Amino acid sequence: MTNDATIWVAAGGIFLLAGAVKGVVGMGLPTVAMGLLATLMLPAQAAALLLIPSFVTNVWQLLSGPAFGLLLKRLWTMMVGVVLGTVGGAGMLTGAHSGRALIALGVALALYAALGLLSVRFSVRPAHERWLSPLIGATTGLITGATGVFVIPAVPYLQALNLERKDLIQALGLSFTVSTIALAVGLYGHGAFAASAAPLGLSLLALIPALAGMIAGQHVRERMSVETFRRVFFAGLLLLGVYLVLEGL
């Protein structure tokens, strides 16, 4: 990595912005940060730099809610599916078709967000969760293995469970934490980190602006009405979907 001070100031700003997005919407830090960091450094370096901020902010989001035990009991089969799918499919991330998968993911995400902004509601009956949760988890894992992004179909599914706002944010944190760990394990098993020279200390340093941004974003979120939060949530998903399509192209 270069020691150019301008690059590291820019990287700090990127993590501050990405953390703020995550604080408001409950997700988006890895996607926003990776997309912008890729303009400054090699993807392998950016991924290594992102590892600790992504993991810590997801764990923070997971533990900051009121119902961790209840959510884990309710969603554990989904988490098992996420792990199996992600670890099993991690080799696809560097495959020849990863760009197409990213485009398809972006289109699906943008479509879901557009329906949400139009107030088209989805709902999952509790009786269906027993078989649907592991299926959603495994599908999310396979898509994560192909794209490195772990929002579809996990986010629409969790939103369709009609959780309270804080419970939804915590459930997203649970899903993203498990996905991050599983993806790291899967990529390590395929030797994806062997070429990375990013020191652990730099990743730790990047955690500071990421956390600062996340705290600021959380304060903004707490002052929103439920309807405003819903609109921001879906608008964030729409922008994320459009970004993924452009990135895949």
Foldseek 3Di string as FASTA:
>chain_A
DDPPVVLVVVLLVQLLQLLLLCLQQLDRNVVSSLVVCVVVDPSLQSCLLQQVLLQVVLVCLQPVFDPNPVLCVLQVLLLVLLLVQQLVLLVQQPPPCLLVLLQVVLVVLLVVLVCLLVVNAAADDSVPSVPVSSVQSNVLNNSCSSHVDRPPPVLVVLVRPVDDPSVSSNSSSVNSNSNSVSSVVNCVVVVVNVPHDHDPVSSVVSNVSSNVSSVVNNVVNVPDDPVVSSNSNSVSSNVSSVVSNVVSD
